[in-house]
Amino acid sequence: MLGELFLAAARRAAGPGRIPEVQLDDEALSALVPEEPRTLPASLELGAELFAPSRQGLYDGDFRLVLGANPGSPLAGATFSRFAPVLGEDAARVRALIRRSHESTSESERAACVAYRPRVMRSANVATVPQWLPHRIPLGVGPAATDGTEDLNLADLAVRADLDGLRLVDLGTGRRVRPVSYSMLNPSSGHLPHTARFLLELGQEGLHWCVPWNWGAWSAAPAQPRVTLGRTVLAPARWLPDRGLRDAAEAAGRPWHGEVASWRQRWDVPRHIHLTRADNHIAVDLDDPLHLLVFQEELKRVKGLSVVERFDGARHGGRLAGPDGAHAAELVIPLLARPARKAPAPAPLSPAEVTPARRGAYAHVPGGEWLYAKLYVPEPFQARVLTRHLRHLTDPAVLAAAGADTWFVQRYADPEAHLRLRIHGKPAQLWPVLLPALRLWAEGLRDAGLADRLVLDTYDPEIERYGGSSVQAHAERVFDTDSAVVIRQLGLPTDDLADVPGRTALAALGTLAILTRLCAEDEALGLLGNGERRMPPYSSSGGLEFAFPGFWDEFLRLPVPRPGSGRRAPRQAPRPHAVPTETLI
């Protein structure tokens, strides 16, 4: 769609002195709307400049409203918050606007301002804003000075993870807390405390913001048309200096003025332009020799410099004119989300199981219910050890004698290649039986030149990765089954793989099969990130049944959702878990 608009504008502008323009209508807007619905913020601010030949011209509709390169702010009221001390009675209007902007949010969610001191004190004038909301998250600052403000302590908050992403929750009520800031301090500037930036990014999770117009793949074109909707300019015309112009700016003896004239003629660049990088602009008259020198220096100095049309030149009638001359008119327009239709408020998030974030909270040191051994095996020998030698240690009779019920193996490098073997069982049997067997097994591999050293280590399971401690045992049963699958795959003769596209494809099919047993097929493909809503040409279940018939019958006994035949299984999210925020700092 963007390419069609781009080329159509170029054809319409055929002729000297005419800037190509894309005039959007309802049909074009509908075509540009994303197919998937997006969650919009409760409010935002739109920055724009107003251009008109006169006050009367403005009343007569002879004006242009030009959106800025920086769309504004993600919260209505943020632009003026730091000016509240000089706004007088109008500060109350800003507060009312901000309070009203949060009326459209769900009753199971509440916004809270993050209060902090910037890391760089010269940013304090930008970071200092009033406490507009009833709730506040203080970070290294004193209690709120505003009456009726409740401080939310980090000890009472947790980070919750589920299939929709990360969010901040109140441990006492289970309600979502959305951290916000009415400061215009850029979070990526490095001036915010790390905890403040983390909380604010949590507050933006799942929301889609207003961004400047982007031509996508056409953004590298040397000349880009103006984009308008009625009298509003969504994106001014833009030109990118080409290599010839850049070379001329760098070359001392090359005629710079002549190169600029040729470039202007080639791409129909007007006289009055802005030299632009991000939201920084320098107004330039390309007929003025001194301005051409500024253009040359900026082109040499600034990487990513672009040229953007101006709307305050003679051609567009200048800025708003009055008895005292022309005036700039920069506007900040607050936009609030439309109130949703009256519907029952969603139930608050139930208080989640809390997963300690401190490392080692669930660690198993040697001598307990987990035996964790690392055997350093060069990578070329690992398949041989797994398929021919590991079975002597994991023989069902040996494991039964050791009281072991689960085992799994993982290939790893730290940076030396090794095998990580973990076996779970009753400590009273596990260590007296398996430790001598492990020693003899490792010595045999060392004598055969297949392995180096053996290390006993502490098993520290990644509880937070697999859904919390309540489902960790189920995850380890999956690891157990997966290890057996991998070893059987590695031991297949090459001839048995003739009907599938090699071992790599078989491993990919195995991954897909695991996902389709844990969730519906379309969700599985979405997790793989290919965006397709169809199965690949090689059926995962067919390939795995060929490799090891009936093996998945055992796997399917695991307590996980299974899709029905040809039908999507109901989505069953794993139980969410939360990490206290104070342990993340």
Protein backbone atom coordinates (compact mmCIF):
# COMPACT_ATOMS: atom_id res chain seq x y z
CA MET A 1 0.00 0.00 0.00
CA LEU A 2 2.80 2.47 0.87
CA GLY A 3 4.54 1.78 -2.43
CA GLU A 4 1.35 2.50 -4.38
CA LEU A 5 0.88 5.83 -2.56
CA PHE A 6 4.53 6.75 -3.10
CA LEU A 7 4.52 6.09 -6.84
CA ALA A 8 1.13 7.75 -7.36
CA ALA A 9 2.41 10.94 -5.69
CA ALA A 10 5.53 10.91 -7.86
CA ARG A 11 3.42 10.68 -11.03
CA ARG A 12 1.07 13.49 -9.97
CA ALA A 13 3.98 15.82 -9.22
CA ALA A 14 5.63 15.42 -12.61
CA GLY A 15 6.79 18.96 -13.38
CA PRO A 16 9.37 21.44 -12.06
CA GLY A 17 8.63 23.26 -8.82
CA ARG A 18 5.89 20.87 -7.71
CA ILE A 19 6.32 18.95 -4.47
CA PRO A 20 4.77 15.47 -4.67
CA GLU A 21 1.94 14.97 -2.22
CA VAL A 22 -0.03 11.97 -0.96
CA GLN A 23 -3.58 13.02 -0.12
CA LEU A 24 -5.10 10.37 2.12
CA ASP A 25 -8.81 9.65 2.11
CA ASP A 26 -11.06 7.28 4.06
CA GLU A 27 -10.32 4.39 1.71
CA ALA A 28 -6.55 4.81 2.06
CA LEU A 29 -6.83 5.13 5.83
CA SER A 30 -8.82 1.89 6.03
CA ALA A 31 -6.16 0.11 3.99
CA LEU A 32 -3.42 1.33 6.34
CA VAL A 33 -5.15 0.22 9.55
CA PRO A 34 -3.40 -2.84 11.06
CA GLU A 35 -5.34 -6.07 10.74
CA GLU A 36 -4.87 -7.02 14.38
CA PRO A 37 -6.48 -4.71 16.96
CA ARG A 38 -3.99 -2.86 19.13
CA THR A 39 -4.24 -1.73 22.72
CA LEU A 40 -4.12 2.06 22.77
CA PRO A 41 -2.93 4.16 25.71
CA ALA A 42 -5.45 6.00 27.86
CA SER A 43 -4.15 9.31 26.50
CA LEU A 44 -1.37 10.97 24.53
CA GLU A 45 -0.31 14.39 23.31
CA LEU A 46 0.15 15.42 19.70
CA GLY A 47 2.63 18.16 18.84
CA ALA A 48 1.94 20.33 15.79
CA GLU A 49 2.62 23.74 14.23
CA LEU A 50 -0.06 25.96 12.77
CA PHE A 51 0.64 27.98 9.62
CA ALA A 52 -1.71 30.58 8.15
CA PRO A 53 -1.22 33.85 6.21
CA SER A 54 -3.25 35.81 8.76
CA ARG A 55 -5.78 35.53 11.55
CA GLN A 56 -8.59 35.99 9.05
CA GLY A 57 -7.06 33.33 6.83
CA LEU A 58 -7.16 30.96 9.78
CA TYR A 59 -10.88 31.66 10.26
CA ASP A 60 -11.45 31.14 6.54
CA GLY A 61 -9.80 27.71 6.61
CA ASP A 62 -6.63 28.82 4.82
CA PHE A 63 -4.12 27.08 7.08
CA ARG A 64 -1.89 24.07 7.48
CA LEU A 65 -1.57 22.01 10.66
CA VAL A 66 1.83 20.29 10.45
CA LEU A 67 2.56 17.43 12.83
CA GLY A 68 5.98 17.50 14.42
CA ALA A 69 8.79 15.02 13.85
CA ASN A 70 8.37 14.13 17.53
CA PRO A 71 4.71 13.08 17.92
CA GLY A 72 4.44 14.57 21.42
CA SER A 73 4.21 12.65 24.68
CA PRO A 74 2.63 9.33 25.68
CA LEU A 75 0.53 10.96 28.42
CA ALA A 76 -1.86 13.88 28.22
CA GLY A 77 -0.54 16.67 30.45
CA ALA A 78 3.11 15.59 30.44
CA THR A 79 4.37 18.46 28.28
CA PHE A 80 3.13 21.15 30.68
CA SER A 81 3.73 19.33 33.99
CA ARG A 82 7.14 20.85 34.71
CA PHE A 83 5.69 24.34 34.09
CA ALA A 84 2.97 23.87 36.73
CA PRO A 85 4.55 26.36 39.21
CA VAL A 86 4.16 29.19 36.68
CA LEU A 87 0.74 28.17 35.35
CA GLY A 88 -1.14 29.58 38.32
CA GLU A 89 -4.80 28.61 38.30
CA ASP A 90 -4.35 26.79 34.98
CA ALA A 91 -2.40 24.06 36.83
CA ALA A 92 -5.74 22.85 38.20
CA ARG A 93 -6.95 22.41 34.60
CA VAL A 94 -3.91 20.24 33.85
CA ARG A 95 -4.65 18.13 36.93
CA ALA A 96 -8.29 17.74 35.89
CA LEU A 97 -7.22 16.70 32.38
CA ILE A 98 -4.83 14.09 33.76
CA ARG A 99 -7.39 12.67 36.19
CA ARG A 100 -9.99 12.49 33.40
CA SER A 101 -7.54 10.69 31.11
CA HIS A 102 -7.46 7.75 33.52
CA GLU A 103 -11.23 7.39 33.78
CA SER A 104 -11.31 5.11 30.72
CA THR A 105 -8.94 2.55 32.27
CA SER A 106 -10.18 -0.69 33.78
CA GLU A 107 -11.23 -0.76 37.42
CA SER A 108 -8.80 -3.64 37.97
CA GLU A 109 -5.87 -1.36 37.07
CA ARG A 110 -4.53 1.79 38.65
CA ALA A 111 -1.84 4.19 37.51
CA ALA A 112 0.92 5.32 39.85
CA CYS A 113 3.51 8.05 39.32
CA VAL A 114 7.14 6.99 39.69
CA ALA A 115 8.95 9.56 41.86
CA TYR A 116 12.74 9.64 41.59
CA ARG A 117 15.82 11.85 41.53
CA PRO A 118 17.60 11.87 38.15
CA ARG A 119 21.13 10.48 38.01
CA VAL A 120 22.30 13.70 36.30
CA MET A 121 21.31 16.78 38.27
CA ARG A 122 21.11 19.10 35.26
CA SER A 123 18.01 17.10 34.30
CA ALA A 124 16.29 17.90 37.59
CA ASN A 125 14.37 20.81 36.05
CA VAL A 126 12.81 18.39 33.56
CA ALA A 127 12.23 15.55 36.04
CA THR A 128 10.56 17.71 38.71
CA VAL A 129 6.80 17.47 38.18
CA PRO A 130 3.76 17.63 40.49
CA GLN A 131 2.18 14.53 41.99
CA TRP A 132 -0.93 14.50 39.82
CA LEU A 133 -2.30 11.03 40.68
CA PRO A 134 -3.59 9.50 43.94
CA HIS A 135 -0.88 6.81 43.91
CA ARG A 136 2.90 7.10 43.84
CA ILE A 137 5.90 4.74 43.73
CA PRO A 138 8.78 6.50 45.57
CA LEU A 139 12.36 5.57 44.65
CA GLY A 140 14.88 7.08 47.05
CA VAL A 141 12.73 10.12 47.80
CA GLY A 142 10.71 11.23 50.81
CA PRO A 143 6.98 10.78 51.37
CA ALA A 144 4.51 12.51 49.10
CA ALA A 145 3.94 16.18 49.90
CA THR A 146 0.48 16.13 48.31
CA ASP A 147 -2.51 15.40 50.54
CA GLY A 148 -4.49 12.33 49.57
CA THR A 149 -1.55 10.61 47.88
CA GLU A 150 -0.80 6.99 48.77
CA ASP A 151 2.74 5.67 48.43
CA LEU A 152 3.11 2.14 47.06
CA ASN A 153 6.20 0.51 48.53
CA LEU A 154 8.33 -1.76 46.37
CA ALA A 155 8.06 -4.46 49.03
CA ASP A 156 4.33 -4.70 48.29
CA LEU A 157 4.74 -4.94 44.51
CA ALA A 158 5.80 -7.78 42.25
CA VAL A 159 6.52 -8.37 38.58
CA ARG A 160 4.05 -10.85 37.14
CA ALA A 161 4.72 -12.90 34.02
CA ASP A 162 2.05 -14.57 31.90
CA LEU A 163 1.36 -15.26 28.23
CA ASP A 164 0.58 -11.57 27.62
CA GLY A 165 3.89 -10.27 28.94
CA LEU A 166 5.19 -8.64 32.11
CA ARG A 167 3.19 -6.41 34.42
CA LEU A 168 3.44 -4.88 37.86
CA VAL A 169 0.94 -6.10 40.47
CA ASP A 170 -0.01 -5.24 44.02
CA LEU A 171 0.67 -8.38 46.06
CA GLY A 172 -2.07 -7.56 48.54
CA THR A 173 -4.93 -7.16 46.06
CA GLY A 174 -3.66 -8.69 42.82
CA ARG A 175 -4.57 -5.48 40.97
CA ARG A 176 -2.35 -4.32 38.16
CA VAL A 177 -0.28 -1.19 38.80
CA ARG A 178 0.77 0.79 35.72
CA PRO A 179 3.82 2.96 36.52
CA VAL A 180 3.79 6.32 34.69
CA SER A 181 5.79 9.53 34.69
CA TYR A 182 4.62 13.01 33.71
CA SER A 183 8.20 14.09 33.15
CA MET A 184 9.45 14.60 29.58
CA LEU A 185 12.88 13.21 30.52
CA ASN A 186 13.79 10.64 27.88
CA PRO A 187 14.08 7.18 29.55
CA SER A 188 16.84 6.20 27.11
CA SER A 189 18.96 9.25 28.00
CA GLY A 190 20.69 7.41 30.84
CA HIS A 191 19.58 10.12 33.29
CA LEU A 192 16.93 7.97 35.00
CA PRO A 193 17.74 5.52 37.81
CA HIS A 194 17.72 2.00 36.41
CA THR A 195 14.82 0.93 38.63
CA ALA A 196 12.73 3.89 37.47
CA ARG A 197 13.35 3.08 33.82
CA PHE A 198 12.47 -0.57 34.40
CA LEU A 199 9.19 0.32 36.11
CA LEU A 200 8.23 2.82 33.40
CA GLU A 201 8.90 0.28 30.67
CA LEU A 202 6.67 -2.17 32.56
CA GLY A 203 3.97 0.50 32.48
CA GLN A 204 4.21 0.69 28.69
CA GLU A 205 4.01 -3.08 28.24
CA GLY A 206 1.31 -4.06 25.77
CA LEU A 207 0.48 -0.51 24.63
CA HIS A 208 0.99 0.91 21.14
CA TRP A 209 2.09 4.52 20.85
CA CYS A 210 1.74 7.22 18.25
CA VAL A 211 4.83 7.27 16.03
CA PRO A 212 5.81 9.56 13.14
CA TRP A 213 4.87 8.64 9.59
CA ASN A 214 7.24 6.03 8.21
CA TRP A 215 7.58 5.04 4.55
CA GLY A 216 8.96 1.64 5.46
CA ALA A 217 11.16 0.26 2.68
CA TRP A 218 10.75 3.58 0.82
CA SER A 219 12.41 5.55 3.64
CA ALA A 220 15.74 5.39 1.82
CA ALA A 221 14.34 7.06 -1.31
CA PRO A 222 16.19 10.31 -2.20
CA ALA A 223 12.91 12.27 -2.39
CA GLN A 224 9.81 11.47 -0.32
CA PRO A 225 6.39 13.10 -0.85
CA ARG A 226 4.36 15.15 1.57
CA VAL A 227 1.53 13.21 3.26
CA THR A 228 -1.70 15.08 4.06
CA LEU A 229 -5.13 14.39 5.46
CA GLY A 230 -7.32 17.37 4.69
CA ARG A 231 -5.48 20.48 5.95
CA THR A 232 -3.26 18.39 8.25
CA VAL A 233 0.25 17.53 7.10
CA LEU A 234 1.11 14.14 8.58
CA ALA A 235 4.62 14.21 7.12
CA PRO A 236 6.34 17.07 5.24
CA ALA A 237 8.21 16.36 2.01
CA ARG A 238 11.71 15.08 2.72
CA TRP A 239 14.96 14.74 0.77
CA LEU A 240 18.09 12.76 1.58
CA PRO A 241 21.41 14.27 0.43
CA ASP A 242 22.94 11.88 -2.12
CA ARG A 243 26.55 10.73 -2.34
CA GLY A 244 27.50 13.44 -4.83
CA LEU A 245 26.32 16.16 -2.47
CA ARG A 246 28.11 14.60 0.51
CA ASP A 247 31.34 14.22 -1.46
CA ALA A 248 31.11 17.86 -2.54
CA ALA A 249 30.67 18.96 1.09
CA GLU A 250 33.86 17.13 2.07
CA ALA A 251 35.98 18.17 -0.95
CA ALA A 252 37.74 21.50 -0.43
CA GLY A 253 38.26 22.31 -4.10
CA ARG A 254 34.89 21.13 -5.39
CA PRO A 255 32.25 23.79 -6.28
CA TRP A 256 29.78 23.36 -3.42
CA HIS A 257 27.27 25.97 -4.63
CA GLY A 258 27.06 24.40 -8.07
CA GLU A 259 26.56 20.90 -6.63
CA VAL A 260 23.70 22.15 -4.44
CA ALA A 261 22.07 23.82 -7.46
CA SER A 262 22.30 20.59 -9.48
CA TRP A 263 20.88 18.57 -6.58
CA ARG A 264 17.97 20.98 -6.14
CA GLN A 265 17.14 20.83 -9.83
CA ARG A 266 17.39 17.05 -9.92
CA TRP A 267 14.95 16.52 -7.04
CA ASP A 268 12.88 19.75 -7.11
CA VAL A 269 14.09 20.88 -3.68
CA PRO A 270 12.48 24.22 -2.70
CA ARG A 271 14.31 27.31 -1.51
CA HIS A 272 13.12 27.29 2.11
CA ILE A 273 13.96 24.07 3.97
CA HIS A 274 14.89 22.68 7.37
CA LEU A 275 18.10 20.78 8.04
CA THR A 276 16.76 18.05 10.29
CA ARG A 277 18.02 15.33 12.56
CA ALA A 278 15.41 13.70 14.80
CA ASP A 279 13.43 16.67 16.19
CA ASN A 280 16.25 19.23 15.82
CA HIS A 281 15.83 21.73 12.96
CA ILE A 282 17.83 24.56 11.41
CA ALA A 283 15.92 26.87 9.06
CA VAL A 284 17.90 27.48 5.85
CA ASP A 285 17.40 29.58 2.71
CA LEU A 286 19.18 27.72 -0.11
CA ASP A 287 19.48 30.96 -2.12
CA ASP A 288 21.57 32.57 0.64
CA PRO A 289 25.36 31.93 0.33
CA LEU A 290 25.87 32.08 4.11
CA HIS A 291 23.09 29.55 4.64
CA LEU A 292 24.74 27.29 2.07
CA LEU A 293 27.89 27.30 4.20
CA VAL A 294 25.79 26.24 7.21
CA PHE A 295 24.33 23.44 5.07
CA GLN A 296 27.83 22.30 4.11
CA GLU A 297 29.10 22.25 7.70
CA GLU A 298 26.02 20.42 9.02
CA LEU A 299 26.26 17.82 6.25
CA LYS A 300 29.88 17.13 7.21
CA ARG A 301 29.17 17.13 10.95
CA VAL A 302 25.81 15.42 11.38
CA LYS A 303 25.27 11.78 10.48
CA GLY A 304 21.77 11.04 9.19
CA LEU A 305 20.98 14.64 8.21
CA SER A 306 17.86 15.07 6.09
CA VAL A 307 16.25 18.03 4.35
CA VAL A 308 12.60 18.78 5.14
CA GLU A 309 10.31 21.35 3.55
CA ARG A 310 9.37 24.48 5.50
CA PHE A 311 5.90 25.96 5.71
CA ASP A 312 6.89 29.45 6.91
CA GLY A 313 8.47 30.58 3.63
CA ALA A 314 6.90 33.02 1.19
CA ARG A 315 5.28 30.22 -0.75
CA HIS A 316 3.08 29.19 2.18
CA GLY A 317 2.22 32.64 3.47
CA GLY A 318 4.45 32.59 6.56
CA ARG A 319 3.48 32.01 10.15
CA LEU A 320 0.52 33.61 11.85
CA ALA A 321 0.80 37.33 11.08
CA GLY A 322 -0.43 40.12 13.34
CA PRO A 323 0.19 43.82 14.01
CA ASP A 324 3.51 42.97 15.66
CA GLY A 325 4.69 40.67 12.88
CA ALA A 326 4.69 36.91 12.34
CA HIS A 327 4.34 34.57 15.30
CA ALA A 328 5.13 30.88 15.75
CA ALA A 329 2.17 28.77 16.82
CA GLU A 330 3.29 25.48 18.33
CA LEU A 331 0.39 23.47 19.68
CA VAL A 332 0.20 20.53 22.09
CA ILE A 333 -3.09 18.71 21.61
CA PRO A 334 -4.19 16.24 24.32
CA LEU A 335 -6.05 13.19 23.04
CA LEU A 336 -8.04 10.93 25.37
CA ALA A 337 -9.19 7.41 24.63
CA ARG A 338 -12.91 7.08 24.04
CA PRO A 339 -14.71 5.67 27.08
CA ALA A 340 -15.40 1.99 26.60
CA ARG A 341 -18.97 0.77 26.53
CA LYS A 342 -20.31 -0.01 29.96
CA ALA A 343 -19.34 -3.58 30.75
CA PRO A 344 -18.60 -5.54 33.90
CA ALA A 345 -15.15 -4.68 35.16
CA PRO A 346 -12.73 -7.57 34.74
CA ALA A 347 -11.87 -9.41 37.91
CA PRO A 348 -8.66 -8.26 39.56
CA LEU A 349 -5.63 -10.44 39.00
CA SER A 350 -5.54 -13.05 41.70
CA PRO A 351 -2.57 -12.81 44.04
CA ALA A 352 0.08 -14.85 42.29
CA GLU A 353 2.56 -17.32 43.59
CA VAL A 354 5.70 -15.39 44.43
CA THR A 355 8.96 -16.70 43.00
CA PRO A 356 12.01 -15.50 44.95
CA ALA A 357 14.33 -13.60 42.65
CA ARG A 358 17.41 -14.17 44.78
CA ARG A 359 19.70 -16.64 43.11
CA GLY A 360 19.88 -19.98 44.86
CA ALA A 361 16.46 -19.92 46.53
CA TYR A 362 15.72 -23.38 45.09
CA ALA A 363 19.32 -24.56 44.69
CA HIS A 364 20.19 -28.22 45.34
CA VAL A 365 23.74 -28.72 46.61
CA PRO A 366 25.43 -32.13 46.20
CA GLY A 367 24.15 -34.73 48.64
CA GLY A 368 20.47 -33.83 48.31
CA GLU A 369 17.66 -35.06 46.07
CA TRP A 370 19.42 -33.98 42.86
CA LEU A 371 22.70 -35.35 41.56
CA TYR A 372 24.17 -32.88 39.09
CA ALA A 373 27.30 -33.94 37.23
CA LYS A 374 29.19 -32.21 34.42
CA LEU A 375 31.27 -34.50 32.24
CA TYR A 376 33.62 -32.64 29.91
CA VAL A 377 33.38 -34.38 26.54
CA PRO A 378 34.74 -32.89 23.27
CA GLU A 379 31.88 -32.04 20.94
CA PRO A 380 32.83 -34.63 18.23
CA PHE A 381 32.49 -37.42 20.84
CA GLN A 382 29.24 -36.30 22.49
CA ALA A 383 26.84 -38.17 20.20
CA ARG A 384 28.85 -41.37 20.70
CA VAL A 385 28.80 -40.99 24.50
CA LEU A 386 25.07 -40.29 24.51
CA THR A 387 24.03 -43.13 22.23
CA ARG A 388 26.47 -45.88 23.27
CA HIS A 389 27.64 -45.20 26.82
CA LEU A 390 25.04 -43.17 28.75
CA ARG A 391 22.60 -46.10 28.84
CA HIS A 392 24.95 -47.96 31.23
CA LEU A 393 24.35 -45.24 33.81
CA THR A 394 20.65 -44.60 33.09
CA ASP A 395 19.64 -48.24 32.83
CA PRO A 396 16.18 -48.64 34.49
CA ALA A 397 17.56 -51.25 36.88
CA VAL A 398 20.36 -48.94 38.01
CA LEU A 399 17.97 -46.01 38.45
CA ALA A 400 15.47 -48.15 40.36
CA ALA A 401 18.18 -49.32 42.75
CA ALA A 402 19.12 -45.67 43.32
CA GLY A 403 15.51 -44.63 43.94
CA ALA A 404 15.71 -42.26 40.95
CA ASP A 405 12.52 -41.19 39.15
CA THR A 406 13.70 -38.48 36.73
CA TRP A 407 16.84 -37.80 34.73
CA PHE A 408 17.80 -35.59 31.83
CA VAL A 409 20.92 -34.56 29.98
CA GLN A 410 21.96 -31.35 28.24
CA ARG A 411 24.83 -30.46 25.94
CA TYR A 412 26.50 -27.21 26.94
CA ALA A 413 29.70 -25.15 26.74
CA ASP A 414 31.17 -22.79 29.37
CA PRO A 415 33.20 -22.38 27.09
CA GLU A 416 34.48 -25.97 27.17
CA ALA A 417 32.05 -28.50 25.70
CA HIS A 418 30.48 -30.85 28.26
CA LEU A 419 27.41 -32.91 29.11
CA ARG A 420 25.21 -31.87 32.03
CA LEU A 421 23.52 -34.85 33.67
CA ARG A 422 20.86 -34.34 36.35
CA ILE A 423 19.24 -37.23 38.23
CA HIS A 424 16.49 -36.91 40.85
CA GLY A 425 15.81 -39.42 43.59
CA LYS A 426 15.79 -40.18 47.29
CA PRO A 427 19.07 -38.95 48.80
CA ALA A 428 19.47 -42.02 51.03
CA GLN A 429 19.65 -44.26 47.93
CA LEU A 430 20.69 -41.84 45.20
CA TRP A 431 24.19 -41.01 46.35
CA PRO A 432 25.35 -44.39 47.79
CA VAL A 433 24.29 -46.18 44.59
CA LEU A 434 24.86 -43.68 41.79
CA LEU A 435 28.01 -41.90 42.92
CA PRO A 436 30.21 -45.05 42.68
CA ALA A 437 28.52 -45.96 39.39
CA LEU A 438 29.12 -42.44 38.09
CA ARG A 439 32.82 -42.63 39.05
CA LEU A 440 33.35 -45.97 37.27
CA TRP A 441 31.43 -44.74 34.21
CA ALA A 442 33.48 -41.55 33.94
CA GLU A 443 36.77 -43.39 34.46
CA GLY A 444 35.90 -45.76 31.63
CA LEU A 445 35.23 -42.84 29.29
CA ARG A 446 38.49 -41.17 30.33
CA ASP A 447 40.44 -44.36 29.70
CA ALA A 448 38.84 -44.59 26.24
CA GLY A 449 39.88 -41.01 25.45
CA LEU A 450 36.26 -39.84 25.17
CA ALA A 451 36.07 -37.57 28.23
CA ASP A 452 38.18 -35.35 30.42
CA ARG A 453 37.19 -34.32 33.93
CA LEU A 454 34.03 -34.94 35.97
CA VAL A 455 32.59 -32.17 38.17
CA LEU A 456 29.81 -32.36 40.76
CA ASP A 457 27.90 -29.09 40.97
CA THR A 458 24.89 -27.37 42.52
CA TYR A 459 21.64 -27.66 40.55
CA ASP A 460 19.94 -24.26 40.53
CA PRO A 461 16.74 -24.73 38.46
CA GLU A 462 15.45 -21.78 36.45
CA ILE A 463 12.13 -21.64 38.28
CA GLU A 464 11.12 -18.29 36.77
CA ARG A 465 11.54 -19.56 33.19
CA TYR A 466 9.06 -22.43 33.33
CA GLY A 467 6.12 -21.02 35.27
CA GLY A 468 7.10 -21.14 38.93
CA SER A 469 7.85 -23.80 41.51
CA SER A 470 4.39 -25.38 41.26
CA VAL A 471 5.03 -26.58 37.69
CA GLN A 472 8.80 -27.14 37.83
CA ALA A 473 8.37 -30.89 38.42
CA HIS A 474 6.20 -31.13 35.28
CA ALA A 475 8.83 -29.24 33.29
CA GLU A 476 11.50 -31.67 34.49
CA ARG A 477 9.37 -34.62 33.36
CA VAL A 478 9.26 -33.03 29.92
CA PHE A 479 13.07 -32.71 30.03
CA ASP A 480 13.26 -36.41 30.94
CA THR A 481 11.16 -37.42 27.94
CA ASP A 482 12.94 -35.01 25.63
CA SER A 483 16.34 -36.43 26.59
CA ALA A 484 15.20 -39.93 25.66
CA VAL A 485 13.84 -38.60 22.36
CA VAL A 486 17.10 -36.85 21.48
CA ILE A 487 19.21 -39.91 22.29
CA ARG A 488 16.97 -42.11 20.13
CA GLN A 489 17.22 -39.60 17.29
CA LEU A 490 21.01 -39.51 17.55
CA GLY A 491 21.12 -43.30 17.40
CA LEU A 492 18.99 -43.65 14.26
CA PRO A 493 20.87 -45.13 11.28
CA THR A 494 21.28 -42.69 8.41
CA ASP A 495 19.15 -44.87 6.12
CA ASP A 496 16.15 -44.51 8.45
CA LEU A 497 16.10 -40.76 7.78
CA ALA A 498 15.60 -41.10 4.03
CA ASP A 499 11.98 -39.89 4.12
CA VAL A 500 12.62 -36.74 6.17
CA PRO A 501 14.95 -33.84 5.29
CA GLY A 502 17.86 -34.75 7.55
CA ARG A 503 18.57 -34.65 11.27
CA THR A 504 18.18 -30.87 11.50
CA ALA A 505 14.64 -31.04 10.13
CA LEU A 506 13.82 -33.92 12.47
CA ALA A 507 15.00 -31.85 15.44
CA ALA A 508 12.83 -28.96 14.23
CA LEU A 509 9.84 -31.28 13.94
CA GLY A 510 10.47 -32.46 17.47
CA THR A 511 10.43 -28.88 18.74
CA LEU A 512 7.19 -28.22 16.90
CA ALA A 513 5.67 -31.43 18.26
CA ILE A 514 6.46 -30.42 21.83
CA LEU A 515 4.86 -27.01 21.32
CA THR A 516 1.73 -28.44 19.71
CA ARG A 517 1.28 -30.73 22.73
CA LEU A 518 1.60 -27.82 25.12
CA CYS A 519 -0.74 -25.44 23.25
CA ALA A 520 -2.84 -25.16 20.10
CA GLU A 521 -1.15 -25.41 16.71
CA ASP A 522 -1.61 -21.76 15.77
CA GLU A 523 -0.24 -20.66 19.16
CA ALA A 524 2.75 -22.97 18.67
CA LEU A 525 3.53 -21.44 15.30
CA GLY A 526 3.16 -17.98 16.79
CA LEU A 527 5.70 -18.87 19.49
CA LEU A 528 8.11 -19.97 16.77
CA GLY A 529 7.80 -16.46 15.36
CA ASN A 530 7.05 -17.22 11.71
CA GLY A 531 3.62 -15.62 11.73
CA GLU A 532 2.08 -18.41 9.67
CA ARG A 533 -1.27 -19.93 10.55
CA ARG A 534 -0.79 -23.26 8.82
CA MET A 535 1.22 -26.39 9.45
CA PRO A 536 4.51 -26.85 7.56
CA PRO A 537 4.67 -29.34 4.68
CA TYR A 538 6.24 -32.01 6.90
CA SER A 539 3.84 -33.07 9.64
CA SER A 540 5.47 -33.00 13.05
CA SER A 541 3.49 -35.93 14.39
CA GLY A 542 4.11 -37.98 11.25
CA GLY A 543 7.87 -37.43 11.32
CA LEU A 544 8.15 -38.33 14.99
CA GLU A 545 5.96 -41.40 14.69
CA PHE A 546 8.23 -42.56 11.87
CA ALA A 547 11.30 -42.09 14.05
CA PHE A 548 9.93 -43.71 17.23
CA PRO A 549 6.44 -45.25 16.86
CA GLY A 550 4.13 -44.80 19.82
CA PHE A 551 6.61 -42.79 21.84
CA TRP A 552 4.29 -39.80 22.25
CA ASP A 553 1.67 -41.96 23.95
CA GLU A 554 3.81 -41.73 27.08
CA PHE A 555 4.45 -38.01 26.60
CA LEU A 556 0.75 -37.25 26.24
CA ARG A 557 0.08 -38.55 29.75
CA LEU A 558 1.70 -35.39 31.07
CA PRO A 559 -0.83 -33.00 32.68
CA VAL A 560 -0.82 -30.42 29.89
CA PRO A 561 -3.53 -29.22 27.45
CA ARG A 562 -3.81 -31.18 24.23
CA PRO A 563 -5.46 -29.85 21.06
CA GLY A 564 -8.38 -31.84 19.73
CA SER A 565 -8.30 -33.48 16.32
CA GLY A 566 -8.57 -30.64 13.80
CA ARG A 567 -9.87 -28.26 16.44
CA ARG A 568 -8.20 -25.63 18.52
CA ALA A 569 -7.81 -26.56 22.16
CA PRO A 570 -9.01 -24.01 24.71
CA ARG A 571 -6.19 -21.76 25.76
CA GLN A 572 -4.96 -22.68 29.21
CA ALA A 573 -2.31 -20.34 30.47
CA PRO A 574 0.24 -21.65 32.94
CA ARG A 575 -0.24 -20.31 36.41
CA PRO A 576 1.36 -16.87 36.47
CA HIS A 577 4.11 -16.19 38.94
CA ALA A 578 5.51 -13.00 40.34
CA VAL A 579 8.89 -11.73 41.46
CA PRO A 580 9.02 -9.13 44.26
CA THR A 581 10.35 -5.86 42.87
CA GLU A 582 12.57 -5.18 45.87
CA THR A 583 14.62 -8.30 45.04
CA LEU A 584 15.24 -7.02 41.51
CA ILE A 585 17.08 -3.91 42.65
